[in-house]
N, C-alpha and C. Protein backbone atom coordinates (compact mmCIF):
# COMPACT_ATOMS: atom_id res chain seq x y z
N UNK A 1 -7.55 10.09 4.89
CA UNK A 1 -6.66 9.50 3.91
C UNK A 1 -5.23 9.60 4.43
N UNK A 2 -4.48 8.55 4.25
CA UNK A 2 -3.12 8.54 4.77
C UNK A 2 -2.15 9.05 3.72
N UNK A 3 -1.04 9.55 4.19
CA UNK A 3 0.00 10.00 3.30
C UNK A 3 1.24 9.19 3.62
N UNK A 4 1.93 8.73 2.57
CA UNK A 4 3.12 7.91 2.77
C UNK A 4 4.31 8.59 2.13
N UNK A 5 5.40 8.67 2.85
CA UNK A 5 6.66 9.17 2.32
C UNK A 5 7.66 8.05 2.46
N UNK A 6 8.46 7.83 1.41
CA UNK A 6 9.42 6.73 1.48
C UNK A 6 10.79 7.22 1.06
N UNK A 7 11.80 6.74 1.75
CA UNK A 7 13.18 6.97 1.36
C UNK A 7 13.91 5.64 1.48
N UNK A 8 14.28 5.07 0.33
CA UNK A 8 14.96 3.79 0.38
C UNK A 8 16.39 3.95 0.89
N UNK A 9 16.99 5.10 0.68
CA UNK A 9 18.35 5.32 1.17
C UNK A 9 18.38 5.42 2.68
N UNK A 10 17.43 6.14 3.25
CA UNK A 10 17.40 6.30 4.70
C UNK A 10 16.71 5.12 5.38
N UNK A 11 15.90 4.36 4.62
CA UNK A 11 15.23 3.20 5.17
C UNK A 11 14.07 3.53 6.08
N UNK A 12 13.25 4.53 5.72
CA UNK A 12 12.12 4.84 6.56
C UNK A 12 10.93 5.21 5.69
N UNK A 13 9.76 5.13 6.27
CA UNK A 13 8.56 5.69 5.65
C UNK A 13 7.68 6.25 6.73
N UNK A 14 6.81 7.17 6.35
CA UNK A 14 5.92 7.81 7.31
C UNK A 14 4.51 7.74 6.76
N UNK A 15 3.56 7.42 7.61
CA UNK A 15 2.15 7.48 7.25
C UNK A 15 1.43 8.13 8.41
N UNK A 16 0.33 8.82 8.11
CA UNK A 16 -0.42 9.42 9.20
C UNK A 16 -1.89 9.06 9.06
N UNK A 17 -2.56 9.02 10.18
CA UNK A 17 -3.99 8.70 10.18
C UNK A 17 -4.57 8.99 11.54
N UNK A 18 -5.89 8.99 11.65
CA UNK A 18 -6.56 9.27 12.91
C UNK A 18 -7.00 7.96 13.54
N UNK A 19 -6.62 7.77 14.78
CA UNK A 19 -7.08 6.60 15.51
C UNK A 19 -8.52 6.84 15.96
N UNK A 20 -9.33 5.79 16.06
CA UNK A 20 -10.71 5.97 16.51
C UNK A 20 -10.75 6.68 17.87
N UNK A 21 -11.52 7.76 17.95
CA UNK A 21 -11.67 8.48 19.21
C UNK A 21 -10.52 9.41 19.55
N UNK A 22 -9.48 9.42 18.73
CA UNK A 22 -8.32 10.26 19.04
C UNK A 22 -8.62 11.72 18.72
N UNK A 23 -8.06 12.62 19.53
CA UNK A 23 -8.25 14.05 19.31
C UNK A 23 -7.25 14.60 18.31
N UNK A 24 -6.10 13.96 18.18
CA UNK A 24 -5.09 14.47 17.26
C UNK A 24 -4.63 13.36 16.33
N UNK A 25 -3.96 13.75 15.29
CA UNK A 25 -3.43 12.77 14.34
C UNK A 25 -2.12 12.22 14.84
N UNK A 26 -1.80 11.06 14.34
CA UNK A 26 -0.56 10.39 14.70
C UNK A 26 0.19 10.05 13.43
N UNK A 27 1.47 10.33 13.40
CA UNK A 27 2.33 9.90 12.31
C UNK A 27 3.00 8.60 12.75
N UNK A 28 3.14 7.66 11.84
CA UNK A 28 3.80 6.39 12.14
C UNK A 28 5.04 6.31 11.28
N UNK A 29 6.18 6.04 11.90
CA UNK A 29 7.45 6.05 11.21
C UNK A 29 8.07 4.65 11.29
N UNK A 30 8.41 4.09 10.12
CA UNK A 30 9.19 2.86 10.13
C UNK A 30 10.63 3.26 10.29
N UNK A 31 11.39 2.46 10.99
CA UNK A 31 12.74 2.88 11.37
C UNK A 31 13.84 2.06 10.71
N UNK A 32 13.58 1.62 9.46
CA UNK A 32 14.62 0.95 8.69
C UNK A 32 15.06 -0.36 9.28
N UNK A 33 16.32 -0.47 9.71
CA UNK A 33 16.82 -1.76 10.15
C UNK A 33 16.32 -2.21 11.52
N UNK A 34 15.52 -1.39 12.18
CA UNK A 34 15.00 -1.74 13.51
C UNK A 34 13.63 -2.40 13.33
N UNK A 35 13.31 -3.32 14.23
CA UNK A 35 12.06 -4.07 14.13
C UNK A 35 10.91 -3.38 14.84
N UNK A 36 10.65 -2.11 14.49
CA UNK A 36 9.50 -1.45 15.09
C UNK A 36 9.01 -0.28 14.26
N UNK A 37 7.84 0.21 14.68
CA UNK A 37 7.20 1.38 14.09
C UNK A 37 7.01 2.35 15.25
N UNK A 38 7.37 3.61 15.03
CA UNK A 38 7.28 4.61 16.11
C UNK A 38 6.12 5.56 15.83
N UNK A 39 5.14 5.63 16.75
CA UNK A 39 4.07 6.61 16.60
C UNK A 39 4.54 7.98 17.09
N UNK A 40 4.15 9.03 16.39
CA UNK A 40 4.50 10.39 16.79
C UNK A 40 3.22 11.21 16.84
N UNK A 41 2.97 11.85 17.96
CA UNK A 41 1.82 12.74 18.08
C UNK A 41 2.12 13.99 17.26
N UNK A 42 1.27 14.30 16.28
CA UNK A 42 1.49 15.51 15.48
C UNK A 42 1.03 16.76 16.22
N UNK A 43 0.25 16.58 17.29
CA UNK A 43 -0.17 17.72 18.10
C UNK A 43 0.97 18.21 19.00
N UNK A 44 1.79 17.26 19.50
CA UNK A 44 2.86 17.63 20.43
C UNK A 44 4.26 17.38 19.87
N UNK A 45 4.33 16.73 18.69
CA UNK A 45 5.62 16.37 18.08
C UNK A 45 6.49 15.54 19.02
N UNK A 46 5.84 14.58 19.71
CA UNK A 46 6.59 13.69 20.58
C UNK A 46 6.39 12.24 20.14
N UNK A 47 7.45 11.47 20.28
CA UNK A 47 7.41 10.05 19.92
C UNK A 47 6.75 9.25 21.03
N UNK A 48 5.98 8.25 20.63
CA UNK A 48 5.36 7.35 21.60
C UNK A 48 6.16 6.07 21.71
N UNK A 49 5.60 5.10 22.42
CA UNK A 49 6.25 3.81 22.61
C UNK A 49 6.30 3.06 21.27
N UNK A 50 7.49 2.56 20.87
CA UNK A 50 7.60 1.82 19.62
C UNK A 50 6.71 0.57 19.62
N UNK A 51 6.19 0.26 18.44
CA UNK A 51 5.36 -0.93 18.23
C UNK A 51 6.24 -1.97 17.55
N UNK A 52 6.42 -3.11 18.19
CA UNK A 52 7.27 -4.15 17.62
C UNK A 52 6.61 -4.84 16.44
N UNK A 53 7.41 -5.13 15.41
CA UNK A 53 6.99 -5.92 14.26
C UNK A 53 8.00 -7.05 14.09
N UNK A 54 7.66 -8.12 13.33
CA UNK A 54 8.51 -9.30 13.29
C UNK A 54 9.92 -9.09 12.75
N UNK A 55 10.13 -8.16 11.86
CA UNK A 55 11.47 -7.92 11.32
C UNK A 55 11.53 -6.50 10.77
N UNK A 56 12.58 -6.18 10.05
CA UNK A 56 12.84 -4.83 9.56
C UNK A 56 11.61 -4.16 8.96
N UNK A 57 11.19 -3.04 9.55
CA UNK A 57 10.02 -2.28 9.07
C UNK A 57 10.45 -1.38 7.92
N UNK A 58 9.79 -1.53 6.77
CA UNK A 58 10.21 -0.78 5.58
C UNK A 58 9.22 0.29 5.16
N UNK A 59 7.99 -0.08 4.83
CA UNK A 59 6.99 0.85 4.33
C UNK A 59 5.71 0.69 5.13
N UNK A 60 4.85 1.70 5.07
CA UNK A 60 3.63 1.66 5.88
C UNK A 60 2.52 2.44 5.19
N UNK A 61 1.29 1.97 5.35
CA UNK A 61 0.08 2.69 4.92
C UNK A 61 -1.00 2.42 5.96
N UNK A 62 -1.94 3.35 6.10
CA UNK A 62 -2.95 3.26 7.14
C UNK A 62 -4.34 3.31 6.51
N UNK A 63 -5.24 2.47 7.01
CA UNK A 63 -6.61 2.48 6.52
C UNK A 63 -7.25 3.83 6.84
N UNK A 64 -8.21 4.27 6.00
CA UNK A 64 -8.83 5.59 6.22
C UNK A 64 -9.45 5.77 7.60
N UNK A 65 -9.94 4.69 8.22
CA UNK A 65 -10.53 4.83 9.54
C UNK A 65 -9.48 4.89 10.65
N UNK A 66 -8.20 4.72 10.29
CA UNK A 66 -7.12 4.82 11.26
C UNK A 66 -6.96 3.62 12.17
N UNK A 67 -7.70 2.56 11.95
CA UNK A 67 -7.66 1.42 12.86
C UNK A 67 -6.53 0.44 12.58
N UNK A 68 -6.07 0.40 11.35
CA UNK A 68 -5.03 -0.58 11.01
C UNK A 68 -3.96 0.05 10.15
N UNK A 69 -2.72 -0.20 10.52
CA UNK A 69 -1.57 0.18 9.68
C UNK A 69 -1.01 -1.11 9.10
N UNK A 70 -0.74 -1.10 7.82
CA UNK A 70 -0.12 -2.26 7.16
C UNK A 70 1.33 -1.92 6.91
N UNK A 71 2.22 -2.73 7.47
CA UNK A 71 3.65 -2.48 7.41
C UNK A 71 4.32 -3.56 6.57
N UNK A 72 5.13 -3.16 5.58
CA UNK A 72 5.98 -4.11 4.86
C UNK A 72 7.19 -4.35 5.75
N UNK A 73 7.43 -5.61 6.10
CA UNK A 73 8.56 -5.93 6.97
C UNK A 73 9.45 -6.97 6.32
N UNK A 74 10.72 -6.97 6.72
CA UNK A 74 11.68 -7.95 6.22
C UNK A 74 12.27 -7.53 4.89
N UNK A 75 13.30 -8.23 4.49
CA UNK A 75 13.94 -7.90 3.23
C UNK A 75 13.67 -8.96 2.17
N UNK A 76 14.00 -10.17 2.37
CA UNK A 76 13.72 -11.24 1.42
C UNK A 76 13.42 -12.52 2.15
N UNK A 77 12.25 -13.06 2.10
CA UNK A 77 11.07 -12.40 1.54
C UNK A 77 10.45 -11.48 2.59
N UNK A 78 9.80 -10.45 2.11
CA UNK A 78 9.13 -9.55 3.03
C UNK A 78 7.65 -9.93 3.12
N UNK A 79 6.97 -9.44 4.14
CA UNK A 79 5.56 -9.73 4.35
C UNK A 79 4.84 -8.46 4.76
N UNK A 80 3.52 -8.52 4.78
CA UNK A 80 2.70 -7.42 5.29
C UNK A 80 2.26 -7.77 6.70
N UNK A 81 2.38 -6.82 7.61
CA UNK A 81 1.96 -7.04 8.98
C UNK A 81 0.94 -5.97 9.34
N UNK A 82 -0.30 -6.37 9.71
CA UNK A 82 -1.24 -5.38 10.20
C UNK A 82 -0.93 -5.10 11.68
N UNK A 83 -0.91 -3.82 12.06
CA UNK A 83 -0.72 -3.51 13.47
C UNK A 83 -1.97 -2.81 13.99
N UNK A 84 -2.13 -2.80 15.28
CA UNK A 84 -3.33 -2.32 15.98
C UNK A 84 -4.52 -3.24 15.76
N UNK A 85 -4.25 -4.50 15.40
CA UNK A 85 -5.28 -5.52 15.29
C UNK A 85 -4.72 -6.79 15.92
N UNK A 86 -5.54 -7.81 16.00
CA UNK A 86 -5.08 -9.09 16.51
C UNK A 86 -4.58 -9.96 15.37
N UNK A 87 -4.38 -9.36 14.20
CA UNK A 87 -3.98 -10.10 13.02
C UNK A 87 -2.56 -10.62 13.09
N UNK A 88 -2.19 -11.37 12.08
CA UNK A 88 -0.84 -11.91 11.97
C UNK A 88 -0.26 -11.50 10.62
N UNK A 89 0.99 -11.82 10.39
CA UNK A 89 1.64 -11.47 9.14
C UNK A 89 0.87 -12.06 7.96
N UNK A 90 0.85 -11.32 6.86
CA UNK A 90 0.14 -11.73 5.66
C UNK A 90 1.16 -12.08 4.60
N UNK A 91 1.06 -13.27 4.01
CA UNK A 91 1.96 -13.65 2.94
C UNK A 91 1.45 -13.04 1.64
N UNK A 92 2.05 -11.91 1.26
CA UNK A 92 1.65 -11.20 0.05
C UNK A 92 2.85 -11.09 -0.88
N UNK A 93 3.60 -12.16 -1.03
CA UNK A 93 4.80 -12.10 -1.84
C UNK A 93 5.88 -11.35 -1.10
N UNK A 94 6.64 -10.56 -1.79
CA UNK A 94 7.67 -9.72 -1.20
C UNK A 94 7.35 -8.27 -1.52
N UNK A 95 6.46 -7.63 -0.74
CA UNK A 95 6.01 -6.29 -1.09
C UNK A 95 7.11 -5.23 -1.08
N UNK A 96 7.09 -4.41 -2.11
CA UNK A 96 8.00 -3.27 -2.23
C UNK A 96 7.26 -1.98 -1.95
N UNK A 97 5.98 -2.07 -1.78
CA UNK A 97 5.17 -0.89 -1.53
C UNK A 97 3.83 -1.31 -0.97
N UNK A 98 3.02 -0.33 -0.62
CA UNK A 98 1.71 -0.62 -0.08
C UNK A 98 0.82 0.60 -0.24
N UNK A 99 -0.43 0.38 -0.63
CA UNK A 99 -1.42 1.46 -0.72
C UNK A 99 -2.77 0.87 -0.35
N UNK A 100 -3.65 1.70 0.18
CA UNK A 100 -4.96 1.26 0.64
C UNK A 100 -6.02 2.08 -0.07
N UNK A 101 -7.08 1.42 -0.54
CA UNK A 101 -8.16 2.13 -1.21
C UNK A 101 -8.81 3.11 -0.24
N UNK A 102 -9.35 4.23 -0.76
CA UNK A 102 -9.97 5.23 0.12
C UNK A 102 -11.10 4.68 1.00
N UNK A 103 -11.78 3.63 0.54
CA UNK A 103 -12.85 3.05 1.37
C UNK A 103 -12.30 2.09 2.43
N UNK A 104 -10.97 1.84 2.41
CA UNK A 104 -10.33 1.01 3.41
C UNK A 104 -10.56 -0.47 3.25
N UNK A 105 -11.12 -0.91 2.13
CA UNK A 105 -11.45 -2.32 1.96
C UNK A 105 -10.32 -3.19 1.42
N UNK A 106 -9.39 -2.57 0.68
CA UNK A 106 -8.35 -3.37 0.04
C UNK A 106 -6.99 -2.72 0.16
N UNK A 107 -6.00 -3.53 0.48
CA UNK A 107 -4.59 -3.14 0.48
C UNK A 107 -4.00 -3.69 -0.81
N UNK A 108 -3.20 -2.89 -1.51
CA UNK A 108 -2.51 -3.36 -2.71
C UNK A 108 -1.01 -3.31 -2.43
N UNK A 109 -0.32 -4.42 -2.71
CA UNK A 109 1.12 -4.52 -2.44
C UNK A 109 1.87 -4.98 -3.68
N UNK A 110 2.67 -4.07 -4.32
CA UNK A 110 3.53 -4.50 -5.42
C UNK A 110 4.59 -5.45 -4.89
N UNK A 111 4.83 -6.55 -5.59
CA UNK A 111 5.74 -7.58 -5.07
C UNK A 111 7.20 -7.38 -5.46
N UNK A 112 7.50 -6.48 -6.37
CA UNK A 112 8.88 -6.30 -6.81
C UNK A 112 9.24 -7.20 -7.97
N UNK A 113 8.45 -8.25 -8.21
CA UNK A 113 8.72 -9.12 -9.37
C UNK A 113 7.86 -8.62 -10.52
N UNK A 114 6.69 -9.16 -10.73
CA UNK A 114 5.84 -8.68 -11.81
C UNK A 114 4.36 -8.71 -11.46
N UNK A 115 4.06 -8.64 -10.16
CA UNK A 115 2.67 -8.69 -9.73
C UNK A 115 2.37 -7.69 -8.61
N UNK A 116 1.08 -7.44 -8.44
CA UNK A 116 0.55 -6.69 -7.31
C UNK A 116 -0.45 -7.61 -6.62
N UNK A 117 -0.37 -7.70 -5.30
CA UNK A 117 -1.26 -8.58 -4.56
C UNK A 117 -2.31 -7.73 -3.83
N UNK A 118 -3.62 -7.97 -4.11
CA UNK A 118 -4.66 -7.31 -3.34
C UNK A 118 -4.95 -8.11 -2.07
N UNK A 119 -5.17 -7.40 -0.97
CA UNK A 119 -5.45 -8.06 0.31
C UNK A 119 -6.72 -7.43 0.89
N UNK A 120 -7.70 -8.25 1.23
CA UNK A 120 -8.93 -7.78 1.85
C UNK A 120 -8.62 -7.36 3.29
N UNK A 121 -9.00 -6.13 3.66
CA UNK A 121 -8.77 -5.70 5.04
C UNK A 121 -9.79 -6.33 6.00
N UNK A 122 -10.90 -6.84 5.48
CA UNK A 122 -11.88 -7.51 6.34
C UNK A 122 -11.36 -8.85 6.84
N UNK A 123 -10.60 -9.54 5.98
CA UNK A 123 -10.14 -10.89 6.33
C UNK A 123 -8.62 -11.00 6.42
N UNK A 124 -7.90 -9.98 5.90
CA UNK A 124 -6.43 -10.01 5.77
C UNK A 124 -5.96 -11.20 4.95
N UNK A 125 -6.78 -11.60 3.97
CA UNK A 125 -6.45 -12.71 3.08
C UNK A 125 -6.07 -12.15 1.72
N UNK A 126 -4.89 -12.53 1.19
CA UNK A 126 -4.48 -12.08 -0.13
C UNK A 126 -5.37 -12.67 -1.22
N UNK A 127 -5.64 -11.85 -2.25
CA UNK A 127 -6.39 -12.32 -3.41
C UNK A 127 -5.43 -12.77 -4.50
N UNK A 128 -5.98 -13.03 -5.67
CA UNK A 128 -5.18 -13.47 -6.81
C UNK A 128 -4.25 -12.34 -7.25
N UNK A 129 -2.97 -12.68 -7.45
CA UNK A 129 -1.97 -11.70 -7.87
C UNK A 129 -2.35 -11.12 -9.23
N UNK A 130 -2.09 -9.83 -9.41
CA UNK A 130 -2.40 -9.10 -10.64
C UNK A 130 -1.10 -8.89 -11.40
N UNK A 131 -1.04 -9.34 -12.64
CA UNK A 131 0.17 -9.23 -13.47
C UNK A 131 0.32 -7.79 -13.95
N UNK A 132 1.49 -7.22 -13.69
CA UNK A 132 1.82 -5.86 -14.14
C UNK A 132 3.19 -5.91 -14.81
N UNK A 133 3.85 -4.78 -14.97
CA UNK A 133 5.18 -4.74 -15.58
C UNK A 133 6.25 -5.31 -14.67
N UNK A 134 7.47 -5.31 -15.16
CA UNK A 134 8.61 -5.85 -14.43
C UNK A 134 9.05 -4.89 -13.31
N UNK A 135 9.26 -5.44 -12.13
CA UNK A 135 9.81 -4.66 -11.01
C UNK A 135 8.89 -3.62 -10.43
N UNK A 136 7.59 -3.94 -10.16
CA UNK A 136 6.73 -2.92 -9.56
C UNK A 136 7.23 -2.54 -8.16
N UNK A 137 7.40 -1.24 -7.93
CA UNK A 137 7.96 -0.77 -6.67
C UNK A 137 7.07 0.19 -5.92
N UNK A 138 6.25 0.91 -6.63
CA UNK A 138 5.43 1.93 -5.97
C UNK A 138 4.01 1.85 -6.50
N UNK A 139 3.07 2.28 -5.68
CA UNK A 139 1.66 2.24 -6.07
C UNK A 139 0.94 3.42 -5.45
N UNK A 140 -0.02 3.97 -6.19
CA UNK A 140 -0.88 5.03 -5.68
C UNK A 140 -2.29 4.78 -6.21
N UNK A 141 -3.28 5.16 -5.43
CA UNK A 141 -4.67 4.92 -5.78
C UNK A 141 -5.38 6.26 -5.92
N UNK A 142 -6.21 6.38 -6.97
CA UNK A 142 -6.94 7.62 -7.20
C UNK A 142 -7.85 7.93 -6.01
N UNK A 143 -8.15 9.21 -5.78
CA UNK A 143 -9.00 9.57 -4.65
C UNK A 143 -10.39 8.90 -4.68
N UNK A 144 -10.91 8.61 -5.88
CA UNK A 144 -12.21 7.93 -5.95
C UNK A 144 -12.08 6.42 -5.77
N UNK A 145 -10.84 5.92 -5.69
CA UNK A 145 -10.60 4.50 -5.44
C UNK A 145 -10.78 3.58 -6.63
N UNK A 146 -11.05 4.12 -7.79
CA UNK A 146 -11.34 3.28 -8.96
C UNK A 146 -10.12 2.70 -9.64
N UNK A 147 -8.99 3.39 -9.53
CA UNK A 147 -7.80 2.95 -10.26
C UNK A 147 -6.56 3.03 -9.37
N UNK A 148 -5.76 1.98 -9.42
CA UNK A 148 -4.44 1.98 -8.79
C UNK A 148 -3.42 2.10 -9.91
N UNK A 149 -2.42 2.93 -9.72
CA UNK A 149 -1.35 3.09 -10.70
C UNK A 149 -0.07 2.53 -10.10
N UNK A 150 0.58 1.62 -10.82
CA UNK A 150 1.77 0.92 -10.34
C UNK A 150 2.98 1.35 -11.16
N UNK A 151 4.02 1.87 -10.50
CA UNK A 151 5.27 2.24 -11.17
C UNK A 151 6.13 0.99 -11.29
N UNK A 152 6.39 0.58 -12.53
CA UNK A 152 7.17 -0.63 -12.83
C UNK A 152 8.62 -0.24 -13.12
N UNK A 153 9.45 -0.32 -12.12
CA UNK A 153 10.85 0.10 -12.19
C UNK A 153 11.61 -0.59 -13.32
N UNK A 154 11.43 -1.89 -13.47
CA UNK A 154 12.20 -2.66 -14.44
C UNK A 154 11.73 -2.57 -15.87
N UNK A 155 10.51 -2.08 -16.10
CA UNK A 155 10.02 -2.01 -17.47
C UNK A 155 9.68 -0.59 -17.91
N UNK A 156 10.13 0.41 -17.15
CA UNK A 156 9.95 1.83 -17.51
C UNK A 156 8.51 2.14 -17.87
N UNK A 157 7.58 1.65 -17.03
CA UNK A 157 6.17 1.84 -17.34
C UNK A 157 5.35 2.01 -16.06
N UNK A 158 4.10 2.42 -16.27
CA UNK A 158 3.11 2.50 -15.20
C UNK A 158 1.90 1.69 -15.65
N UNK A 159 1.43 0.79 -14.79
CA UNK A 159 0.27 -0.03 -15.11
C UNK A 159 -0.94 0.43 -14.30
N UNK A 160 -2.03 0.85 -14.99
CA UNK A 160 -3.27 1.14 -14.27
C UNK A 160 -4.00 -0.18 -13.95
N UNK A 161 -4.59 -0.26 -12.76
CA UNK A 161 -5.39 -1.42 -12.37
C UNK A 161 -6.78 -0.95 -12.00
N UNK A 162 -7.80 -1.57 -12.60
CA UNK A 162 -9.19 -1.31 -12.24
C UNK A 162 -9.43 -2.01 -10.91
N UNK A 163 -9.68 -1.25 -9.85
CA UNK A 163 -9.80 -1.85 -8.52
C UNK A 163 -11.13 -2.58 -8.31
N UNK A 164 -12.14 -2.31 -9.13
CA UNK A 164 -13.41 -3.03 -9.01
C UNK A 164 -13.27 -4.46 -9.49
N UNK A 165 -12.41 -4.67 -10.50
CA UNK A 165 -12.25 -6.00 -11.09
C UNK A 165 -10.85 -6.58 -10.89
N UNK A 166 -9.93 -5.77 -10.37
CA UNK A 166 -8.52 -6.15 -10.21
C UNK A 166 -7.90 -6.61 -11.53
N UNK A 167 -8.26 -5.91 -12.60
CA UNK A 167 -7.67 -6.20 -13.90
C UNK A 167 -6.79 -5.03 -14.34
N UNK A 168 -5.60 -5.36 -14.89
CA UNK A 168 -4.71 -4.31 -15.36
C UNK A 168 -5.11 -3.83 -16.75
N UNK A 169 -4.84 -2.56 -17.02
CA UNK A 169 -4.96 -2.00 -18.36
C UNK A 169 -3.58 -2.02 -18.99
N UNK A 170 -3.48 -1.75 -20.30
CA UNK A 170 -2.15 -1.72 -20.92
C UNK A 170 -1.22 -0.72 -20.21
N UNK A 171 0.04 -1.11 -20.11
CA UNK A 171 1.04 -0.28 -19.45
C UNK A 171 1.26 1.02 -20.22
N UNK A 172 1.59 2.07 -19.49
CA UNK A 172 1.90 3.38 -20.05
C UNK A 172 3.42 3.55 -19.97
N UNK A 173 4.07 3.76 -21.10
CA UNK A 173 5.52 3.95 -21.12
C UNK A 173 5.86 5.30 -20.50
N UNK A 174 6.84 5.30 -19.60
CA UNK A 174 7.34 6.53 -18.96
C UNK A 174 8.86 6.49 -19.01
N UNK A 175 9.52 7.40 -18.34
CA UNK A 175 10.98 7.44 -18.31
C UNK A 175 11.57 6.21 -17.62
N UNK A 176 12.87 6.08 -17.71
CA UNK A 176 13.56 4.93 -17.11
C UNK A 176 13.38 4.84 -15.61
N UNK A 177 13.23 3.63 -15.13
CA UNK A 177 13.24 3.27 -13.72
C UNK A 177 12.30 4.10 -12.83
N UNK A 178 10.99 4.14 -13.12
CA UNK A 178 10.09 4.86 -12.22
C UNK A 178 10.07 4.21 -10.85
N UNK A 179 10.28 5.00 -9.80
CA UNK A 179 10.47 4.46 -8.45
C UNK A 179 9.46 5.00 -7.45
N UNK A 180 8.67 5.98 -7.84
CA UNK A 180 7.67 6.57 -6.93
C UNK A 180 6.52 7.08 -7.76
N UNK A 181 5.36 7.18 -7.14
CA UNK A 181 4.19 7.69 -7.85
C UNK A 181 3.26 8.35 -6.84
N UNK A 182 2.63 9.44 -7.23
CA UNK A 182 1.66 10.14 -6.39
C UNK A 182 0.55 10.66 -7.29
N UNK A 183 -0.64 10.78 -6.74
CA UNK A 183 -1.80 11.23 -7.50
C UNK A 183 -2.40 12.45 -6.81
N UNK A 184 -2.78 13.47 -7.62
CA UNK A 184 -3.41 14.67 -7.05
C UNK A 184 -4.87 14.42 -6.83
């Protein structure tokens, strides 16, 4: 399972995962205004060769098998870019976040407007947008993969999404401007 840390002020995010056949884990760091992602060996704490992406690398999440990292790139409009595959940029609206189901089958990307876009990792094709609250910025998925929770910055709420059907449940009112979410 990957872990993502985000800092909008510093303009970076970190995700870690195991590459197939790798002996150690690798952390992947987006570098804000630079058009690349930097792999870091967690065994030696050394940076590897940067991986180029089409534009400003913002956020990142990695599939559980470690084979693909999905990077939110660009500012307006932003796109999802799979790296370590032969794939191309995915038009998933303007993602403000990214999370991957524990089984690695679906990427969920909040668009920052009022939707979350599911993307099949088998085809890298976006599915039908899911309507949530205003300004979704962050997303986290339960360890069993059944529910995604979306923090809606503009509507002071969190929207649960049933990942089996991609249907939202009624929003849960929380404090003003929720900007991050994590699940134990």
